[in-house]
PDB file of N, CA and C in Angstrom:
ATOM      1  N   MET A   1     -93.018 -46.738 -27.680  1.00  0.00           N
ATOM      2  CA  MET A   1     -92.314 -47.863 -28.849  1.00  0.00           C
ATOM      3  C   MET A   1     -91.333 -48.430 -28.458  1.00  0.00           C
ATOM      4  N   GLN A   2     -90.263 -47.855 -28.023  1.00  0.00           N
ATOM      5  CA  GLN A   2     -89.122 -48.451 -27.892  1.00  0.00           C
ATOM      6  C   GLN A   2     -89.025 -49.393 -26.537  1.00  0.00           C
ATOM      7  N   GLU A   3     -90.059 -49.219 -25.721  1.00  0.00           N
ATOM      8  CA  GLU A   3     -90.315 -50.366 -24.938  1.00  0.00           C
ATOM      9  C   GLU A   3     -90.475 -51.840 -25.381  1.00  0.00           C
ATOM     10  N   VAL A   4     -91.290 -51.530 -26.216  1.00  0.00           N
ATOM     11  CA  VAL A   4     -92.024 -52.756 -26.950  1.00  0.00           C
ATOM     12  C   VAL A   4     -90.690 -53.184 -27.855  1.00  0.00           C
ATOM     13  N   LEU A   5     -90.122 -52.571 -28.532  1.00  0.00           N
ATOM     14  CA  LEU A   5     -89.173 -53.122 -29.207  1.00  0.00           C
ATOM     15  C   LEU A   5     -88.053 -53.951 -28.268  1.00  0.00           C
ATOM     16  N   THR A   6     -87.891 -53.040 -27.493  1.00  0.00           N
ATOM     17  CA  THR A   6     -86.624 -54.059 -26.123  1.00  0.00           C
ATOM     18  C   THR A   6     -87.554 -54.984 -25.864  1.00  0.00           C
ATOM     19  N   TYR A   7     -88.593 -55.343 -25.512  1.00  0.00           N
ATOM     20  CA  TYR A   7     -89.356 -56.372 -25.011  1.00  0.00           C
ATOM     21  C   TYR A   7     -89.270 -57.396 -26.067  1.00  0.00           C
ATOM     22  N   LEU A   8     -89.445 -57.178 -27.386  1.00  0.00           N
ATOM     23  CA  LEU A   8     -89.387 -58.302 -28.523  1.00  0.00           C
ATOM     24  C   LEU A   8     -87.840 -58.529 -28.414  1.00  0.00           C
ATOM     25  N   VAL A   9     -87.006 -58.098 -28.622  1.00  0.00           N
ATOM     26  CA  VAL A   9     -85.660 -58.160 -28.542  1.00  0.00           C
ATOM     27  C   VAL A   9     -85.098 -59.211 -27.290  1.00  0.00           C
ATOM     28  N   VAL A  10     -85.608 -58.727 -26.347  1.00  0.00           N
ATOM     29  CA  VAL A  10     -85.207 -59.845 -25.019  1.00  0.00           C
ATOM     30  C   VAL A  10     -85.797 -61.057 -25.473  1.00  0.00           C
ATOM     31  N   CYS A  11     -87.239 -60.802 -25.418  1.00  0.00           N
ATOM     32  CA  CYS A  11     -88.006 -62.118 -25.850  1.00  0.00           C
ATOM     33  C   CYS A  11     -87.328 -63.107 -26.796  1.00  0.00           C
ATOM     34  N   GLY A  12     -86.963 -62.371 -28.068  1.00  0.00           N
ATOM     35  CA  GLY A  12     -86.080 -63.292 -29.136  1.00  0.00           C
ATOM     36  C   GLY A  12     -84.762 -63.834 -28.495  1.00  0.00           C
ATOM     37  N   ALA A  13     -84.008 -63.179 -27.816  1.00  0.00           N
ATOM     38  CA  ALA A  13     -82.610 -63.959 -27.249  1.00  0.00           C
ATOM     39  C   ALA A  13     -82.861 -64.863 -26.628  1.00  0.00           C
ATOM     40  N   VAL A  14     -83.785 -64.758 -25.532  1.00  0.00           N
ATOM     41  CA  VAL A  14     -84.356 -65.718 -24.607  1.00  0.00           C
ATOM     42  C   VAL A  14     -84.944 -67.028 -25.465  1.00  0.00           C
ATOM     43  N   ILE A  15     -85.785 -66.940 -26.220  1.00  0.00           N
ATOM     44  CA  ILE A  15     -86.204 -68.062 -27.256  1.00  0.00           C
ATOM     45  C   ILE A  15     -85.070 -68.700 -27.755  1.00  0.00           C
ATOM     46  N   PHE A  16     -84.132 -67.820 -28.674  1.00  0.00           N
ATOM     47  CA  PHE A  16     -82.910 -68.245 -29.235  1.00  0.00           C
ATOM     48  C   PHE A  16     -81.930 -68.877 -28.228  1.00  0.00           C
ATOM     49  N   LEU A  17     -82.272 -68.783 -26.995  1.00  0.00           N
ATOM     50  CA  LEU A  17     -80.969 -69.681 -26.171  1.00  0.00           C
ATOM     51  C   LEU A  17     -81.782 -71.023 -25.544  1.00  0.00           C
ATOM     52  N   VAL A  18     -83.164 -70.817 -25.536  1.00  0.00           N
ATOM     53  CA  VAL A  18     -83.888 -71.869 -25.190  1.00  0.00           C
ATOM     54  C   VAL A  18     -83.839 -72.874 -26.028  1.00  0.00           C
ATOM     55  N   LYS A  19     -83.976 -72.554 -27.264  1.00  0.00           N
ATOM     56  CA  LYS A  19     -83.892 -73.529 -28.682  1.00  0.00           C
ATOM     57  C   LYS A  19     -82.321 -73.971 -28.674  1.00  0.00           C
ATOM     58  N   LYS A  20     -81.440 -72.985 -28.575  1.00  0.00           N
ATOM     59  CA  LYS A  20     -80.082 -73.498 -28.565  1.00  0.00           C
ATOM     60  C   LYS A  20     -79.865 -74.706 -27.757  1.00  0.00           C
ATOM     61  N   PHE A  21     -80.253 -74.277 -26.098  1.00  0.00           N
ATOM     62  CA  PHE A  21     -79.758 -75.443 -25.220  1.00  0.00           C
ATOM     63  C   PHE A  21     -80.748 -76.563 -25.365  1.00  0.00           C
ATOM     64  N   PHE A  22     -81.954 -76.521 -25.739  1.00  0.00           N
ATOM     65  CA  PHE A  22     -82.753 -77.532 -25.666  1.00  0.00           C
ATOM     66  C   PHE A  22     -82.730 -78.873 -27.178  1.00  0.00           C
ATOM     67  N   PHE A  23     -82.121 -77.985 -27.818  1.00  0.00           N
ATOM     68  CA  PHE A  23     -81.766 -78.858 -29.381  1.00  0.00           C
ATOM     69  C   PHE A  23     -80.480 -79.394 -29.449  1.00  0.00           C
ATOM     70  N   LYS A  24     -79.543 -78.909 -28.440  1.00  0.00           N
ATOM     71  CA  LYS A  24     -78.155 -79.535 -28.576  1.00  0.00           C
ATOM     72  C   LYS A  24     -78.271 -80.898 -27.889  1.00  0.00           C
ATOM     73  N   PRO A  25     -78.762 -81.408 -26.969  1.00  0.00           N
ATOM     74  CA  PRO A  25     -78.692 -82.948 -26.995  1.00  0.00           C
ATOM     75  C   PRO A  25     -79.217 -83.828 -27.902  1.00  0.00           C
ATOM     76  N   LYS A  26     -80.425 -83.447 -28.715  1.00  0.00           N
ATOM     77  CA  LYS A  26     -80.637 -84.259 -29.670  1.00  0.00           C
ATOM     78  C   LYS A  26     -79.822 -84.192 -30.908  1.00  0.00           C
ATOM     79  N   LYS A  27     -79.025 -83.505 -31.242  1.00  0.00           N
ATOM     80  CA  LYS A  27     -77.865 -83.469 -31.555  1.00  0.00           C
ATOM     81  C   LYS A  27     -76.504 -83.860 -31.578  1.00  0.00           C
ATOM     82  N   ASN A  28     -76.827 -84.129 -30.153  1.00  0.00           N
ATOM     83  CA  ASN A  28     -75.328 -84.764 -29.720  1.00  0.00           C
ATOM     84  C   ASN A  28     -74.909 -85.817 -30.298  1.00  0.00           C
ATOM     85  N   SER A  29     -75.587 -86.881 -30.622  1.00  0.00           N
ATOM     86  CA  SER A  29     -75.205 -88.118 -31.112  1.00  0.00           C
ATOM     87  C   SER A  29     -74.752 -88.027 -32.638  1.00  0.00           C
ATOM     88  N   SER A  30     -75.161 -86.860 -33.392  1.00  0.00           N
ATOM     89  CA  SER A  30     -74.660 -86.833 -34.834  1.00  0.00           C
ATOM     90  C   SER A  30     -73.319 -85.723 -34.724  1.00  0.00           C
ATOM     91  N   CYS A  31     -73.352 -85.043 -33.819  1.00  0.00           N
ATOM     92  CA  CYS A  31     -71.908 -83.986 -33.710  1.00  0.00           C
ATOM     93  C   CYS A  31     -70.946 -84.012 -32.613  1.00  0.00           C
ATOM     94  N   ASP A  32     -70.477 -85.254 -32.408  1.00  0.00           N
ATOM     95  CA  ASP A  32     -69.866 -85.858 -31.087  1.00  0.00           C
ATOM     96  C   ASP A  32     -68.409 -84.928 -31.234  1.00  0.00           C
ATOM     97  N   THR A  33     -67.978 -84.807 -32.684  1.00  0.00           N
ATOM     98  CA  THR A  33     -66.660 -84.061 -32.969  1.00  0.00           C
ATOM     99  C   THR A  33     -66.886 -82.637 -32.834  1.00  0.00           C
ATOM    100  N   ASN A  34     -68.302 -82.040 -32.949  1.00  0.00           N
ATOM    101  CA  ASN A  34     -68.314 -80.424 -32.948  1.00  0.00           C
ATOM    102  C   ASN A  34     -68.756 -80.012 -31.597  1.00  0.00           C
ATOM    103  N   CYS A  35     -69.432 -80.898 -30.796  1.00  0.00           N
ATOM    104  CA  CYS A  35     -69.943 -80.249 -29.474  1.00  0.00           C
ATOM    105  C   CYS A  35     -68.812 -80.398 -28.633  1.00  0.00           C
ATOM    106  N   ASN A  36     -68.824 -79.557 -27.583  1.00  0.00           N
ATOM    107  CA  ASN A  36     -68.025 -79.530 -26.412  1.00  0.00           C
ATOM    108  C   ASN A  36     -68.731 -79.914 -25.202  1.00  0.00           C
ATOM    109  N   CYS A  37     -69.096 -81.011 -25.426  1.00  0.00           N
ATOM    110  CA  CYS A  37     -70.281 -81.365 -24.274  1.00  0.00           C
ATOM    111  C   CYS A  37     -69.578 -82.423 -23.301  1.00  0.00           C
ATOM    112  N   SER A  38     -68.030 -82.654 -23.367  1.00  0.00           N
ATOM    113  CA  SER A  38     -67.322 -83.569 -22.469  1.00  0.00           C
ATOM    114  C   SER A  38     -67.267 -82.921 -21.228  1.00  0.00           C
TER     115      SER A  38
END
């Protein structure tokens, strides 16, 4: 059971990071002062 929970946590973290990196460029035009993309 612990292996399943660990797997879910890792998958959740990966999905979170992927969303974070993929949705950043879309919001880049509206948050030029917030993003450190220089």
